Every structure is written in structure tokens, then in C-alpha cells.
Amino acid sequence: MSRDGGRRGQGPVGAVGHAGRLVAFAGWYVGRFLAANLVVLREVLTPRTGVAPVVLELVLRCRTDVEVASYIALVGLTPGTLVVSSHDGRRRPRDGTPDGTPDGTPDGTPDGTPDGAEDGDGDGSGDGGGDVVVAAHVMHAPDVAEALAELRELETRLLRALRADPGAVPPPPPHGTVPARTDEEEV
């Protein structure tokens, strides 16, 4: 690992900017966290005033394990929200392997793609990274579009804080969510 924490070429000015983005994100998140606590407190004091649960499936723009784990942890730390499942977005048959073969790959490579082939994550690396899909339960979501916007804003701000180049955060995919279930549907 390089002396600059693995961010080669970032330099002292870039490191200060990165640290500033992390501090700004932490401040924004604390405000979001406190606001969510107030919503939960209001619900406790005046039952059934704003409970409108929904489960949303989101295709994340997070690409590294740190980004995905951070996003899931921050959603879970926010009162009234919880990630209930996550997977890499590639369909898996019931036996749990990518294609049903004994080793799980059609060609014997660790990720099932020939070296250098596109693997679905858009980076052309063939590294096996696919879109990460999470299902998030939101307790207070009378407006599903607003709940989605808040989850997307969290992801965008997190990625801008974590990545060395904040301008490299892609826009959310237009097809990136599906209301998985609302409280009106039967279980």
C-alpha cells in the first residue's frame, strides 16, 4: 500500500478535500439521523399517524465492498429503515450457483466470465462485479418516490464522500427501484 492510503497521485490538497467531503457527509448524516429519530418519536407518542411501510428494491451504484457495506450500515442505523436483503444482481438458480453447474461457472473461471469479458458491471474488467441489489424496508413512506429519493440521496452523498473523484459518481439508474411490497398487499 502506498503512503497516501492507497490513493496514488491524490497529493495533500486532494487528501484535504477528501477529508472535508467525509466530514461534510458525517454532518449531513447526523442531521438525517436526528430527523429520523424525531419521526419515530412522534410515532411513539401518537401511534399510527405516519406508518406507511414499503420495501423497495434498489440497484446500487456502489462498486466496492466498503461502499456497499457502508451504505447498508448507514441505512440500518437510520431509524425506520433497514436493509432486509442484498445480492449481486445476477440471477441465481435455486441451487445457489450462478448457472446450476457443480462449480458454479460455465467456463471454470472464478466469476464465470472469460478473461477480459464484460461481466455486467459496466467497467469492462471481467472481474465478476455485478450490480448490487438491496431490498430496503422503510417504515415511514407515505410517498414511495420520496422514500426512494432519500435512499438515493444517501447513496450519492456517501459515494461522493468515499471516492477520490466525487465527480465520478454516476446518476441513479432510471430502472433502479421496484416497490417490492407495501402494507396493503397480502403476505
N, C-alpha and C. Protein backbone atom coordinates (compact mmCIF):
# COMPACT_ATOMS: atom_id res chain seq x y z
N MET A 1 0.84 -1.18 0.00
CA MET A 1 0.00 0.00 0.00
C MET A 1 0.88 1.23 0.00
N SER A 2 0.50 2.24 -0.72
CA SER A 2 1.29 3.46 -0.77
C SER A 2 1.11 4.27 0.51
N ARG A 3 2.02 5.20 0.73
CA ARG A 3 1.99 6.00 1.95
C ARG A 3 0.78 6.92 2.03
N ASP A 4 0.16 7.21 0.90
CA ASP A 4 -1.00 8.10 0.91
C ASP A 4 -2.31 7.34 1.05
N GLY A 5 -2.28 6.15 1.69
CA GLY A 5 -3.50 5.39 1.97
C GLY A 5 -4.08 4.71 0.75
N GLY A 6 -3.25 4.45 -0.25
CA GLY A 6 -3.76 3.76 -1.43
C GLY A 6 -4.29 4.67 -2.50
N ARG A 7 -4.27 5.96 -2.29
CA ARG A 7 -4.78 6.92 -3.26
C ARG A 7 -3.59 7.56 -3.98
N ARG A 8 -3.02 6.84 -4.89
CA ARG A 8 -1.84 7.33 -5.60
C ARG A 8 -2.16 8.58 -6.39
N GLY A 9 -1.29 9.54 -6.29
CA GLY A 9 -1.44 10.76 -7.08
C GLY A 9 -2.43 11.75 -6.51
N GLN A 10 -3.02 11.47 -5.37
CA GLN A 10 -4.01 12.39 -4.83
C GLN A 10 -3.34 13.62 -4.24
N GLY A 11 -2.23 13.46 -3.57
CA GLY A 11 -1.48 14.58 -3.01
C GLY A 11 -2.16 15.18 -1.80
N PRO A 12 -1.47 16.12 -1.14
CA PRO A 12 -2.01 16.70 0.10
C PRO A 12 -3.29 17.51 -0.12
N VAL A 13 -3.37 18.24 -1.23
CA VAL A 13 -4.58 19.05 -1.48
C VAL A 13 -5.78 18.13 -1.70
N GLY A 14 -5.59 17.06 -2.47
CA GLY A 14 -6.67 16.11 -2.70
C GLY A 14 -7.09 15.40 -1.43
N ALA A 15 -6.12 15.09 -0.58
CA ALA A 15 -6.42 14.41 0.69
C ALA A 15 -7.24 15.31 1.61
N VAL A 16 -6.90 16.60 1.63
CA VAL A 16 -7.66 17.55 2.45
C VAL A 16 -9.09 17.67 1.93
N GLY A 17 -9.23 17.73 0.61
CA GLY A 17 -10.57 17.80 0.02
C GLY A 17 -11.37 16.55 0.32
N HIS A 18 -10.72 15.39 0.26
CA HIS A 18 -11.39 14.13 0.57
C HIS A 18 -11.82 14.10 2.03
N ALA A 19 -10.93 14.52 2.93
CA ALA A 19 -11.28 14.57 4.35
C ALA A 19 -12.44 15.54 4.58
N GLY A 20 -12.44 16.65 3.89
CA GLY A 20 -13.54 17.62 4.01
C GLY A 20 -14.86 17.03 3.56
N ARG A 21 -14.83 16.25 2.47
CA ARG A 21 -16.06 15.61 1.99
C ARG A 21 -16.57 14.59 3.01
N LEU A 22 -15.64 13.85 3.65
CA LEU A 22 -16.05 12.88 4.67
C LEU A 22 -16.68 13.58 5.87
N VAL A 23 -16.10 14.69 6.31
CA VAL A 23 -16.65 15.44 7.44
C VAL A 23 -18.01 16.03 7.08
N ALA A 24 -18.13 16.59 5.89
CA ALA A 24 -19.41 17.16 5.45
C ALA A 24 -20.49 16.07 5.38
N PHE A 25 -20.12 14.89 4.87
CA PHE A 25 -21.07 13.79 4.81
C PHE A 25 -21.51 13.38 6.21
N ALA A 26 -20.54 13.27 7.13
CA ALA A 26 -20.88 12.88 8.51
C ALA A 26 -21.85 13.89 9.13
N GLY A 27 -21.62 15.17 8.90
CA GLY A 27 -22.53 16.20 9.42
C GLY A 27 -23.92 16.07 8.82
N TRP A 28 -24.00 15.86 7.51
CA TRP A 28 -25.29 15.69 6.86
C TRP A 28 -26.01 14.46 7.40
N TYR A 29 -25.26 13.36 7.56
CA TYR A 29 -25.88 12.13 8.03
C TYR A 29 -26.39 12.28 9.47
N VAL A 30 -25.66 12.94 10.32
CA VAL A 30 -26.12 13.16 11.70
C VAL A 30 -27.44 13.93 11.68
N GLY A 31 -27.56 14.93 10.83
CA GLY A 31 -28.82 15.67 10.70
C GLY A 31 -29.95 14.77 10.24
N ARG A 32 -29.68 13.92 9.25
CA ARG A 32 -30.69 12.97 8.75
C ARG A 32 -31.08 11.98 9.85
N PHE A 33 -30.09 11.51 10.59
CA PHE A 33 -30.31 10.57 11.69
C PHE A 33 -31.21 11.19 12.76
N LEU A 34 -30.93 12.44 13.14
CA LEU A 34 -31.74 13.12 14.16
C LEU A 34 -33.17 13.36 13.66
N ALA A 35 -33.32 13.74 12.42
CA ALA A 35 -34.66 13.96 11.86
C ALA A 35 -35.46 12.65 11.85
N ALA A 36 -34.82 11.54 11.51
CA ALA A 36 -35.50 10.24 11.52
C ALA A 36 -35.90 9.85 12.94
N ASN A 37 -35.05 10.17 13.91
CA ASN A 37 -35.41 9.90 15.30
C ASN A 37 -36.63 10.70 15.72
N LEU A 38 -36.76 11.92 15.26
CA LEU A 38 -37.94 12.73 15.59
C LEU A 38 -39.21 12.13 14.99
N VAL A 39 -39.11 11.61 13.78
CA VAL A 39 -40.26 10.95 13.15
C VAL A 39 -40.68 9.73 13.97
N VAL A 40 -39.72 8.93 14.40
CA VAL A 40 -40.02 7.75 15.20
C VAL A 40 -40.60 8.16 16.56
N LEU A 41 -40.04 9.19 17.18
CA LEU A 41 -40.56 9.68 18.46
C LEU A 41 -42.01 10.15 18.31
N ARG A 42 -42.30 10.87 17.24
CA ARG A 42 -43.68 11.31 17.01
C ARG A 42 -44.61 10.11 16.86
N GLU A 43 -44.13 9.07 16.20
CA GLU A 43 -44.95 7.87 16.01
C GLU A 43 -45.20 7.17 17.35
N VAL A 44 -44.21 7.16 18.21
CA VAL A 44 -44.36 6.51 19.52
C VAL A 44 -45.37 7.29 20.37
N LEU A 45 -45.28 8.61 20.32
CA LEU A 45 -46.17 9.45 21.14
C LEU A 45 -47.58 9.54 20.58
N THR A 46 -47.74 9.44 19.29
CA THR A 46 -49.06 9.50 18.65
C THR A 46 -49.18 8.32 17.68
N PRO A 47 -49.50 7.14 18.22
CA PRO A 47 -49.48 5.92 17.39
C PRO A 47 -50.34 6.01 16.14
N ARG A 48 -49.82 5.35 15.08
CA ARG A 48 -50.48 5.18 13.79
C ARG A 48 -50.74 6.48 13.05
N THR A 49 -49.89 7.46 13.23
CA THR A 49 -50.07 8.70 12.49
C THR A 49 -49.35 8.71 11.16
N GLY A 50 -48.24 8.00 11.06
CA GLY A 50 -47.47 8.10 9.83
C GLY A 50 -46.85 6.82 9.35
N VAL A 51 -47.29 5.69 9.89
CA VAL A 51 -46.71 4.43 9.46
C VAL A 51 -47.27 4.08 8.09
N ALA A 52 -46.37 3.97 7.13
CA ALA A 52 -46.72 3.57 5.77
C ALA A 52 -45.54 2.76 5.25
N PRO A 53 -45.41 1.50 5.71
CA PRO A 53 -44.23 0.72 5.35
C PRO A 53 -44.22 0.29 3.89
N VAL A 54 -43.01 0.22 3.36
CA VAL A 54 -42.80 -0.25 1.99
C VAL A 54 -41.41 -0.89 1.93
N VAL A 55 -41.29 -1.88 1.07
CA VAL A 55 -39.99 -2.49 0.80
C VAL A 55 -39.63 -2.11 -0.63
N LEU A 56 -38.47 -1.47 -0.79
CA LEU A 56 -38.00 -1.04 -2.10
C LEU A 56 -36.78 -1.83 -2.50
N GLU A 57 -36.72 -2.25 -3.75
CA GLU A 57 -35.50 -2.85 -4.28
C GLU A 57 -34.75 -1.78 -5.05
N LEU A 58 -33.47 -1.62 -4.71
CA LEU A 58 -32.65 -0.61 -5.35
C LEU A 58 -31.43 -1.25 -5.99
N VAL A 59 -31.11 -0.84 -7.20
CA VAL A 59 -29.87 -1.23 -7.84
C VAL A 59 -28.86 -0.16 -7.44
N LEU A 60 -27.84 -0.57 -6.69
CA LEU A 60 -26.86 0.40 -6.17
C LEU A 60 -25.80 0.74 -7.20
N ARG A 61 -25.23 1.93 -7.01
CA ARG A 61 -24.07 2.34 -7.80
C ARG A 61 -22.78 2.06 -7.05
N CYS A 62 -22.89 1.56 -5.83
CA CYS A 62 -21.73 1.17 -5.03
C CYS A 62 -21.00 0.05 -5.77
N ARG A 63 -19.67 0.11 -5.80
CA ARG A 63 -18.89 -0.89 -6.53
C ARG A 63 -17.94 -1.66 -5.64
N THR A 64 -17.48 -1.09 -4.54
CA THR A 64 -16.52 -1.80 -3.69
C THR A 64 -17.25 -2.36 -2.47
N ASP A 65 -16.61 -3.31 -1.82
CA ASP A 65 -17.19 -3.88 -0.61
C ASP A 65 -17.38 -2.82 0.46
N VAL A 66 -16.43 -1.88 0.55
CA VAL A 66 -16.53 -0.81 1.55
C VAL A 66 -17.74 0.07 1.26
N GLU A 67 -17.96 0.42 0.01
CA GLU A 67 -19.12 1.25 -0.35
C GLU A 67 -20.42 0.54 -0.04
N VAL A 68 -20.53 -0.73 -0.43
CA VAL A 68 -21.76 -1.49 -0.20
C VAL A 68 -22.01 -1.65 1.30
N ALA A 69 -20.98 -2.07 2.04
CA ALA A 69 -21.14 -2.28 3.48
C ALA A 69 -21.48 -0.98 4.19
N SER A 70 -20.85 0.12 3.79
CA SER A 70 -21.14 1.42 4.40
C SER A 70 -22.58 1.83 4.15
N TYR A 71 -23.04 1.65 2.92
CA TYR A 71 -24.42 2.02 2.59
C TYR A 71 -25.41 1.20 3.41
N ILE A 72 -25.21 -0.11 3.44
CA ILE A 72 -26.12 -0.98 4.19
C ILE A 72 -26.11 -0.62 5.67
N ALA A 73 -24.93 -0.35 6.23
CA ALA A 73 -24.83 0.02 7.64
C ALA A 73 -25.55 1.34 7.93
N LEU A 74 -25.36 2.33 7.06
CA LEU A 74 -25.99 3.64 7.29
C LEU A 74 -27.51 3.56 7.15
N VAL A 75 -28.00 2.77 6.21
CA VAL A 75 -29.45 2.58 6.10
C VAL A 75 -29.97 1.93 7.38
N GLY A 76 -29.26 0.92 7.86
CA GLY A 76 -29.68 0.22 9.07
C GLY A 76 -29.60 1.07 10.33
N LEU A 77 -28.66 2.00 10.37
CA LEU A 77 -28.54 2.88 11.53
C LEU A 77 -29.61 3.96 11.59
N THR A 78 -30.21 4.25 10.46
CA THR A 78 -31.24 5.29 10.40
C THR A 78 -32.56 4.72 10.92
N PRO A 79 -33.12 5.32 11.96
CA PRO A 79 -34.40 4.81 12.49
C PRO A 79 -35.48 4.76 11.41
N GLY A 80 -36.20 3.66 11.38
CA GLY A 80 -37.29 3.49 10.43
C GLY A 80 -36.88 2.87 9.11
N THR A 81 -35.60 2.57 8.93
CA THR A 81 -35.15 1.93 7.70
C THR A 81 -34.26 0.74 8.02
N LEU A 82 -34.26 -0.22 7.11
CA LEU A 82 -33.47 -1.42 7.32
C LEU A 82 -33.28 -2.12 5.98
N VAL A 83 -32.07 -2.56 5.68
CA VAL A 83 -31.84 -3.38 4.50
C VAL A 83 -32.17 -4.82 4.90
N VAL A 84 -33.13 -5.40 4.20
CA VAL A 84 -33.58 -6.75 4.54
C VAL A 84 -32.92 -7.82 3.69
N SER A 85 -32.34 -7.44 2.53
CA SER A 85 -31.59 -8.40 1.73
C SER A 85 -30.70 -7.66 0.76
N SER A 86 -29.66 -8.37 0.31
CA SER A 86 -28.80 -7.82 -0.74
C SER A 86 -28.26 -9.00 -1.54
N HIS A 87 -28.05 -8.75 -2.83
CA HIS A 87 -27.43 -9.75 -3.69
C HIS A 87 -26.77 -9.03 -4.84
N ASP A 88 -25.99 -9.76 -5.62
CA ASP A 88 -25.18 -9.12 -6.65
C ASP A 88 -25.91 -8.85 -7.95
N GLY A 89 -27.18 -9.10 -8.03
CA GLY A 89 -27.96 -8.73 -9.20
C GLY A 89 -27.97 -9.75 -10.31
N ARG A 90 -27.05 -10.70 -10.27
CA ARG A 90 -27.07 -11.76 -11.27
C ARG A 90 -28.04 -12.83 -10.79
N ARG A 91 -28.87 -13.31 -11.68
CA ARG A 91 -29.87 -14.32 -11.29
C ARG A 91 -29.17 -15.60 -10.88
N ARG A 92 -29.67 -16.21 -9.83
CA ARG A 92 -29.12 -17.47 -9.35
C ARG A 92 -30.23 -18.50 -9.30
N PRO A 93 -29.98 -19.70 -9.84
CA PRO A 93 -30.99 -20.75 -9.73
C PRO A 93 -31.11 -21.23 -8.29
N ARG A 94 -32.07 -22.06 -8.02
CA ARG A 94 -32.36 -22.48 -6.65
C ARG A 94 -31.21 -23.18 -5.95
N ASP A 95 -30.29 -23.78 -6.70
CA ASP A 95 -29.18 -24.47 -6.04
C ASP A 95 -28.10 -23.51 -5.57
N GLY A 96 -28.24 -22.22 -5.85
CA GLY A 96 -27.32 -21.21 -5.33
C GLY A 96 -26.13 -20.92 -6.21
N THR A 97 -25.94 -21.66 -7.28
CA THR A 97 -24.81 -21.39 -8.16
C THR A 97 -25.27 -20.50 -9.30
N PRO A 98 -24.36 -19.73 -9.92
CA PRO A 98 -24.78 -18.79 -10.97
C PRO A 98 -25.49 -19.45 -12.14
N ASP A 99 -25.09 -20.67 -12.51
CA ASP A 99 -25.71 -21.28 -13.69
C ASP A 99 -26.16 -22.71 -13.47
N GLY A 100 -26.08 -23.18 -12.23
CA GLY A 100 -26.52 -24.52 -11.93
C GLY A 100 -25.47 -25.59 -12.13
N THR A 101 -24.27 -25.23 -12.60
CA THR A 101 -23.23 -26.22 -12.77
C THR A 101 -22.58 -26.51 -11.43
N PRO A 102 -21.93 -27.67 -11.27
CA PRO A 102 -21.35 -28.01 -9.96
C PRO A 102 -20.37 -26.97 -9.42
N ASP A 103 -19.52 -26.39 -10.29
CA ASP A 103 -18.57 -25.40 -9.79
C ASP A 103 -19.12 -23.99 -9.85
N GLY A 104 -20.32 -23.83 -10.43
CA GLY A 104 -20.97 -22.54 -10.45
C GLY A 104 -20.58 -21.64 -11.60
N THR A 105 -19.66 -22.09 -12.45
CA THR A 105 -19.26 -21.24 -13.56
C THR A 105 -19.26 -22.04 -14.85
N PRO A 106 -19.66 -21.43 -15.95
CA PRO A 106 -19.73 -22.16 -17.21
C PRO A 106 -18.36 -22.46 -17.81
N ASP A 107 -17.35 -21.67 -17.47
CA ASP A 107 -16.06 -21.86 -18.13
C ASP A 107 -14.91 -22.11 -17.17
N GLY A 108 -15.21 -22.31 -15.88
CA GLY A 108 -14.18 -22.63 -14.92
C GLY A 108 -13.46 -21.43 -14.34
N THR A 109 -13.73 -20.21 -14.82
CA THR A 109 -13.10 -19.04 -14.22
C THR A 109 -13.83 -18.72 -12.93
N PRO A 110 -13.20 -18.04 -11.98
CA PRO A 110 -13.83 -17.79 -10.68
C PRO A 110 -15.15 -17.04 -10.77
N ASP A 111 -15.29 -16.16 -11.75
CA ASP A 111 -16.52 -15.37 -11.83
C ASP A 111 -17.43 -15.78 -12.97
N GLY A 112 -17.04 -16.78 -13.74
CA GLY A 112 -17.90 -17.26 -14.82
C GLY A 112 -17.79 -16.48 -16.10
N THR A 113 -16.86 -15.54 -16.19
CA THR A 113 -16.68 -14.79 -17.42
C THR A 113 -15.29 -15.07 -17.97
N PRO A 114 -15.16 -15.19 -19.28
CA PRO A 114 -13.82 -15.36 -19.85
C PRO A 114 -12.97 -14.14 -19.50
N ASP A 115 -11.67 -14.32 -19.39
CA ASP A 115 -10.80 -13.20 -19.06
C ASP A 115 -11.04 -12.04 -20.01
N GLY A 116 -11.25 -10.84 -19.43
CA GLY A 116 -11.45 -9.63 -20.21
C GLY A 116 -12.86 -9.45 -20.73
N ALA A 117 -13.76 -10.39 -20.49
CA ALA A 117 -15.13 -10.27 -20.99
C ALA A 117 -15.94 -9.36 -20.09
N GLU A 118 -16.98 -8.80 -20.65
CA GLU A 118 -17.88 -7.95 -19.88
C GLU A 118 -18.62 -8.81 -18.88
N ASP A 119 -18.73 -8.32 -17.65
CA ASP A 119 -19.37 -9.11 -16.60
C ASP A 119 -20.64 -8.46 -16.08
N GLY A 120 -21.10 -7.40 -16.71
CA GLY A 120 -22.37 -6.80 -16.31
C GLY A 120 -22.25 -5.61 -15.39
N ASP A 121 -21.04 -5.27 -14.93
CA ASP A 121 -20.95 -4.13 -14.04
C ASP A 121 -20.60 -2.84 -14.76
N GLY A 122 -20.40 -2.92 -16.07
CA GLY A 122 -20.18 -1.72 -16.85
C GLY A 122 -18.75 -1.21 -16.84
N ASP A 123 -17.85 -1.90 -16.13
CA ASP A 123 -16.48 -1.37 -16.10
C ASP A 123 -15.56 -2.10 -17.08
N GLY A 124 -16.07 -3.13 -17.76
CA GLY A 124 -15.28 -3.83 -18.76
C GLY A 124 -14.15 -4.65 -18.20
N SER A 125 -14.12 -4.85 -16.89
CA SER A 125 -12.99 -5.51 -16.27
C SER A 125 -13.07 -7.02 -16.30
N GLY A 126 -14.26 -7.57 -16.40
CA GLY A 126 -14.42 -9.01 -16.31
C GLY A 126 -14.09 -9.53 -14.92
N ASP A 127 -14.19 -8.67 -13.90
CA ASP A 127 -13.80 -9.06 -12.55
C ASP A 127 -14.92 -9.69 -11.76
N GLY A 128 -16.07 -9.86 -12.36
CA GLY A 128 -17.17 -10.53 -11.67
C GLY A 128 -18.06 -9.59 -10.91
N GLY A 129 -17.70 -8.33 -10.80
CA GLY A 129 -18.53 -7.38 -10.07
C GLY A 129 -19.78 -7.06 -10.85
N GLY A 130 -20.91 -7.33 -10.31
CA GLY A 130 -22.17 -7.01 -10.97
C GLY A 130 -22.90 -5.96 -10.15
N ASP A 131 -24.03 -5.54 -10.64
CA ASP A 131 -24.83 -4.59 -9.88
C ASP A 131 -25.27 -5.21 -8.57
N VAL A 132 -25.15 -4.45 -7.49
CA VAL A 132 -25.62 -4.91 -6.19
C VAL A 132 -27.05 -4.43 -6.04
N VAL A 133 -27.93 -5.33 -5.65
CA VAL A 133 -29.33 -5.00 -5.44
C VAL A 133 -29.64 -5.19 -3.97
N VAL A 134 -30.24 -4.18 -3.36
CA VAL A 134 -30.66 -4.29 -1.96
C VAL A 134 -32.16 -4.10 -1.88
N ALA A 135 -32.76 -4.75 -0.91
CA ALA A 135 -34.16 -4.53 -0.58
C ALA A 135 -34.17 -3.79 0.75
N ALA A 136 -34.72 -2.60 0.74
CA ALA A 136 -34.74 -1.77 1.94
C ALA A 136 -36.17 -1.59 2.43
N HIS A 137 -36.39 -1.85 3.71
CA HIS A 137 -37.69 -1.63 4.33
C HIS A 137 -37.70 -0.22 4.91
N VAL A 138 -38.68 0.56 4.51
CA VAL A 138 -38.84 1.92 5.01
C VAL A 138 -40.17 1.98 5.75
N MET A 139 -40.13 2.32 7.03
CA MET A 139 -41.34 2.31 7.86
C MET A 139 -42.26 3.50 7.60
N HIS A 140 -41.69 4.66 7.35
CA HIS A 140 -42.49 5.88 7.17
C HIS A 140 -42.34 6.36 5.74
N ALA A 141 -43.12 5.77 4.83
CA ALA A 141 -43.01 6.09 3.41
C ALA A 141 -44.38 6.33 2.79
N PRO A 142 -45.08 7.39 3.21
CA PRO A 142 -46.37 7.65 2.58
C PRO A 142 -46.21 7.97 1.09
N ASP A 143 -45.05 8.50 0.71
CA ASP A 143 -44.74 8.78 -0.69
C ASP A 143 -43.54 7.92 -1.09
N VAL A 144 -43.78 6.88 -1.89
CA VAL A 144 -42.73 5.95 -2.27
C VAL A 144 -41.62 6.66 -3.04
N ALA A 145 -41.98 7.60 -3.90
CA ALA A 145 -40.97 8.33 -4.67
C ALA A 145 -40.05 9.13 -3.75
N GLU A 146 -40.61 9.72 -2.70
CA GLU A 146 -39.80 10.47 -1.75
C GLU A 146 -38.89 9.55 -0.95
N ALA A 147 -39.40 8.38 -0.57
CA ALA A 147 -38.56 7.41 0.15
C ALA A 147 -37.40 6.96 -0.72
N LEU A 148 -37.67 6.71 -1.99
CA LEU A 148 -36.62 6.34 -2.93
C LEU A 148 -35.61 7.47 -3.07
N ALA A 149 -36.11 8.69 -3.20
CA ALA A 149 -35.20 9.84 -3.35
C ALA A 149 -34.28 9.98 -2.14
N GLU A 150 -34.79 9.72 -0.95
CA GLU A 150 -33.96 9.81 0.25
C GLU A 150 -32.90 8.72 0.28
N LEU A 151 -33.27 7.50 -0.11
CA LEU A 151 -32.28 6.42 -0.17
C LEU A 151 -31.22 6.70 -1.24
N ARG A 152 -31.64 7.24 -2.37
CA ARG A 152 -30.70 7.60 -3.44
C ARG A 152 -29.78 8.74 -3.00
N GLU A 153 -30.34 9.72 -2.29
CA GLU A 153 -29.52 10.83 -1.82
C GLU A 153 -28.44 10.33 -0.86
N LEU A 154 -28.80 9.41 0.02
CA LEU A 154 -27.82 8.83 0.93
C LEU A 154 -26.70 8.16 0.13
N GLU A 155 -27.07 7.37 -0.87
CA GLU A 155 -26.05 6.69 -1.68
C GLU A 155 -25.16 7.69 -2.41
N THR A 156 -25.76 8.69 -3.04
CA THR A 156 -24.99 9.69 -3.78
C THR A 156 -24.02 10.42 -2.87
N ARG A 157 -24.49 10.89 -1.73
CA ARG A 157 -23.62 11.62 -0.80
C ARG A 157 -22.52 10.72 -0.25
N LEU A 158 -22.85 9.48 0.04
CA LEU A 158 -21.84 8.54 0.53
C LEU A 158 -20.76 8.32 -0.52
N LEU A 159 -21.16 8.07 -1.76
CA LEU A 159 -20.18 7.81 -2.81
C LEU A 159 -19.31 9.03 -3.08
N ARG A 160 -19.90 10.22 -3.05
CA ARG A 160 -19.10 11.44 -3.24
C ARG A 160 -18.10 11.64 -2.11
N ALA A 161 -18.47 11.20 -0.91
CA ALA A 161 -17.56 11.33 0.23
C ALA A 161 -16.45 10.29 0.19
N LEU A 162 -16.77 9.07 -0.25
CA LEU A 162 -15.79 7.99 -0.22
C LEU A 162 -14.84 7.97 -1.40
N ARG A 163 -15.29 8.36 -2.55
CA ARG A 163 -14.47 8.24 -3.75
C ARG A 163 -13.51 9.40 -3.90
N ALA A 164 -12.31 9.08 -4.41
CA ALA A 164 -11.28 10.11 -4.60
C ALA A 164 -11.75 11.17 -5.59
N ASP A 165 -12.52 10.76 -6.59
CA ASP A 165 -13.06 11.69 -7.58
C ASP A 165 -14.57 11.76 -7.40
N PRO A 166 -15.07 12.78 -6.67
CA PRO A 166 -16.51 12.85 -6.41
C PRO A 166 -17.34 13.06 -7.67
N GLY A 167 -16.73 13.55 -8.73
CA GLY A 167 -17.45 13.75 -9.99
C GLY A 167 -17.68 12.45 -10.74
N ALA A 168 -17.06 11.37 -10.29
CA ALA A 168 -17.18 10.08 -10.97
C ALA A 168 -18.39 9.29 -10.52
N VAL A 169 -19.24 9.85 -9.68
CA VAL A 169 -20.43 9.14 -9.21
C VAL A 169 -21.48 9.22 -10.31
N PRO A 170 -21.88 8.08 -10.86
CA PRO A 170 -22.87 8.09 -11.93
C PRO A 170 -24.26 8.43 -11.40
N PRO A 171 -25.13 8.92 -12.28
CA PRO A 171 -26.51 9.18 -11.85
C PRO A 171 -27.22 7.87 -11.55
N PRO A 172 -28.27 7.91 -10.73
CA PRO A 172 -29.01 6.67 -10.43
C PRO A 172 -29.62 6.10 -11.71
N PRO A 173 -29.70 4.78 -11.79
CA PRO A 173 -30.32 4.18 -12.97
C PRO A 173 -31.82 4.49 -12.99
N PRO A 174 -32.39 4.74 -14.16
CA PRO A 174 -33.81 5.06 -14.22
C PRO A 174 -34.69 3.90 -13.80
N HIS A 175 -34.20 2.70 -13.96
CA HIS A 175 -34.95 1.49 -13.63
C HIS A 175 -34.51 0.93 -12.29
N GLY A 176 -33.89 1.76 -11.45
CA GLY A 176 -33.19 1.26 -10.28
C GLY A 176 -34.02 0.90 -9.08
N THR A 177 -35.33 0.90 -9.16
CA THR A 177 -36.10 0.52 -8.00
C THR A 177 -37.41 -0.11 -8.40
N VAL A 178 -37.87 -0.94 -7.54
CA VAL A 178 -39.17 -1.57 -7.70
C VAL A 178 -39.78 -1.66 -6.32
N PRO A 179 -40.99 -1.09 -6.12
CA PRO A 179 -41.62 -1.34 -4.82
C PRO A 179 -41.87 -2.83 -4.70
N ALA A 180 -41.18 -3.48 -3.79
CA ALA A 180 -41.30 -4.92 -3.65
C ALA A 180 -42.60 -5.31 -2.96
N ARG A 181 -43.03 -4.53 -1.97
CA ARG A 181 -44.25 -4.84 -1.25
C ARG A 181 -44.65 -3.66 -0.40
N THR A 182 -45.94 -3.38 -0.33
CA THR A 182 -46.45 -2.36 0.57
C THR A 182 -47.34 -3.04 1.59
N ASP A 183 -47.76 -2.29 2.63
CA ASP A 183 -48.57 -2.90 3.69
C ASP A 183 -49.96 -3.27 3.22
N GLU A 184 -50.42 -2.75 2.08
CA GLU A 184 -51.77 -3.10 1.60
C GLU A 184 -51.80 -4.48 0.95
N GLU A 185 -50.64 -4.99 0.53
CA GLU A 185 -50.60 -6.29 -0.14
C GLU A 185 -50.60 -7.40 0.89
N GLU A 186 -51.19 -8.51 0.51
CA GLU A 186 -51.18 -9.68 1.40
C GLU A 186 -49.82 -10.33 1.39
N VAL A 187 -49.45 -10.89 2.52
CA VAL A 187 -48.15 -11.56 2.64
C VAL A 187 -48.22 -12.94 2.03
